[in-house]
Every structure is written in structure tokens, then in C-alpha cells.
C-alpha atoms as a PDB file:
ATOM      1  CA  MET A   1     -15.925 -34.138   9.171  1.00  0.00           C
ATOM      2  CA  PRO A   2     -13.844 -30.733   9.797  1.00  0.00           C
ATOM      3  CA  THR A   3     -10.456 -32.023  11.579  1.00  0.00           C
ATOM      4  CA  ASP A   4     -12.026 -29.976  15.400  1.00  0.00           C
ATOM      5  CA  VAL A   5     -15.347 -30.018  16.363  1.00  0.00           C
ATOM      6  CA  LEU A   6     -16.314 -27.839  19.197  1.00  0.00           C
ATOM      7  CA  ILE A   7     -18.134 -29.463  22.083  1.00  0.00           C
ATOM      8  CA  ALA A   8     -18.849 -26.718  24.652  1.00  0.00           C
ATOM      9  CA  ASP A   9     -17.361 -22.844  25.269  1.00  0.00           C
ATOM     10  CA  PHE A  10     -17.634 -22.357  29.023  1.00  0.00           C
ATOM     11  CA  VAL A  11     -16.494 -19.312  31.486  1.00  0.00           C
ATOM     12  CA  VAL A  12     -16.384 -20.042  34.763  1.00  0.00           C
ATOM     13  CA  SER A  13     -15.949 -17.821  38.352  1.00  0.00           C
ATOM     14  CA  THR A  14     -14.450 -19.805  40.894  1.00  0.00           C
ATOM     15  CA  PRO A  15     -11.951 -23.059  40.509  1.00  0.00           C
ATOM     16  CA  GLU A  16     -14.618 -25.153  41.746  1.00  0.00           C
ATOM     17  CA  GLU A  17     -16.600 -24.514  38.379  1.00  0.00           C
ATOM     18  CA  ARG A  18     -13.919 -24.650  36.303  1.00  0.00           C
ATOM     19  CA  ASP A  19     -13.786 -28.592  38.164  1.00  0.00           C
ATOM     20  CA  TYR A  20     -17.023 -28.913  37.650  1.00  0.00           C
ATOM     21  CA  GLU A  21     -18.068 -27.536  34.124  1.00  0.00           C
ATOM     22  CA  LEU A  22     -14.528 -29.590  33.005  1.00  0.00           C
ATOM     23  CA  GLY A  23     -15.334 -32.852  34.273  1.00  0.00           C
ATOM     24  CA  ARG A  24     -19.398 -32.313  33.093  1.00  0.00           C
ATOM     25  CA  VAL A  25     -18.056 -31.172  29.466  1.00  0.00           C
ATOM     26  CA  LEU A  26     -15.090 -33.999  29.445  1.00  0.00           C
ATOM     27  CA  SER A  27     -17.419 -37.007  29.826  1.00  0.00           C
ATOM     28  CA  THR A  28     -19.680 -35.648  27.097  1.00  0.00           C
ATOM     29  CA  ALA A  29     -16.412 -35.421  24.183  1.00  0.00           C
ATOM     30  CA  LYS A  30     -15.362 -39.110  25.790  1.00  0.00           C
ATOM     31  CA  PHE A  31     -19.013 -40.023  24.495  1.00  0.00           C
ATOM     32  CA  LYS A  32     -18.629 -38.518  21.287  1.00  0.00           C
ATOM     33  CA  ALA A  33     -14.742 -39.295  20.561  1.00  0.00           C
ATOM     34  CA  ALA A  34     -16.237 -43.439  21.020  1.00  0.00           C
ATOM     35  CA  ILE A  35     -18.869 -42.815  18.700  1.00  0.00           C
ATOM     36  CA  TYR A  36     -16.154 -41.478  15.946  1.00  0.00           C
ATOM     37  CA  GLY A  37     -13.454 -43.438  16.885  1.00  0.00           C
ATOM     38  CA  LYS A  38     -11.025 -41.440  15.755  1.00  0.00           C
ATOM     39  CA  LEU A  39     -10.493 -38.432  17.605  1.00  0.00           C
ATOM     40  CA  GLY A  40      -9.114 -36.820  20.530  1.00  0.00           C
ATOM     41  CA  ILE A  41     -10.186 -34.533  22.985  1.00  0.00           C
ATOM     42  CA  ILE A  42      -8.199 -31.018  22.824  1.00  0.00           C
ATOM     43  CA  ILE A  43      -9.282 -28.791  26.571  1.00  0.00           C
ATOM     44  CA  THR A  44      -8.161 -25.016  26.174  1.00  0.00           C
ATOM     45  CA  ARG A  45      -7.388 -22.564  28.441  1.00  0.00           C
ATOM     46  CA  HIS A  46      -8.095 -19.349  26.738  1.00  0.00           C
ATOM     47  CA  ASP A  47      -7.697 -17.365  29.930  1.00  0.00           C
ATOM     48  CA  PHE A  48      -8.277 -17.782  33.712  1.00  0.00           C
ATOM     49  CA  SER A  49     -11.603 -17.969  32.916  1.00  0.00           C
ATOM     50  CA  ARG A  50     -12.787 -19.135  30.020  1.00  0.00           C
ATOM     51  CA  PHE A  51     -12.269 -23.057  28.207  1.00  0.00           C
ATOM     52  CA  SER A  52     -13.308 -25.041  25.676  1.00  0.00           C
ATOM     53  CA  VAL A  53     -13.051 -28.613  24.317  1.00  0.00           C
ATOM     54  CA  SER A  54     -12.965 -30.152  21.314  1.00  0.00           C
ATOM     55  CA  LEU A  55     -12.438 -33.506  19.539  1.00  0.00           C
ATOM     56  CA  SER A  56     -10.180 -33.421  16.686  1.00  0.00           C
ATOM     57  CA  LEU A  57      -8.483 -35.805  13.604  1.00  0.00           C
ATOM     58  CA  ALA A  58      -4.882 -34.086  15.344  1.00  0.00           C
ATOM     59  CA  VAL A  59      -4.976 -35.417  18.664  1.00  0.00           C
ATOM     60  CA  PRO A  60      -4.801 -39.982  18.496  1.00  0.00           C
ATOM     61  CA  PHE A  61      -8.526 -41.659  19.586  1.00  0.00           C
ATOM     62  CA  GLY A  62      -8.146 -41.713  23.082  1.00  0.00           C
ATOM     63  CA  ASP A  63      -5.915 -39.225  23.796  1.00  0.00           C
ATOM     64  CA  ILE A  64      -6.422 -35.959  25.698  1.00  0.00           C
ATOM     65  CA  HIS A  65      -3.767 -32.171  25.039  1.00  0.00           C
ATOM     66  CA  GLU A  66      -4.200 -29.557  26.884  1.00  0.00           C
ATOM     67  CA  ARG A  67      -3.243 -26.252  25.719  1.00  0.00           C
ATOM     68  CA  ASP A  68      -3.066 -23.118  27.812  1.00  0.00           C
ATOM     69  CA  TYR A  69      -3.427 -20.118  26.590  1.00  0.00           C
ATOM     70  CA  ALA A  70      -3.350 -17.625  29.718  1.00  0.00           C
ATOM     71  CA  GLN A  71      -1.245 -14.986  30.647  1.00  0.00           C
ATOM     72  CA  ARG A  72      -0.399 -14.370  34.002  1.00  0.00           C
ATOM     73  CA  THR A  73       1.088 -11.331  34.792  1.00  0.00           C
END
């Protein structure tokens, strides 16, 4: 099994859309993490409209880590 498994990579245009998509994708990620039993979840904000959610061996099962690479100007 690879170290990280990408579940979703998506772009949003409103905070409401972001919240909806993150909720939907996190449900899927939690389900898949439970199947594997060894993977945690990483949520990455690449910028203010692009996000990705991955399963990772680097995160303990049951944990969710957040990475924020968005730069404020």
C-alpha cells in the first residue's frame, strides 16, 4: 500500500461550498480509513479555493491532521 492515498482534490468558490465538500469528502475518507485500519487523514489547503484530502500512514488511525499552505497577501 502506498504511504498516501488521495481521496479528493477539489476547488470551491464560497465558504459554504467548502464546508459542504469537506464534510462530504471527510465522510468518505473516514469510511475508507476504517476499512484499512491503519491510516489517518490529512486535509490540505493549497490556497484559498483548492483543497485535498488524503489517507496517510504518517497520521495515526483516527486522527485528522491539517496542512495550510495558503498565503495571505
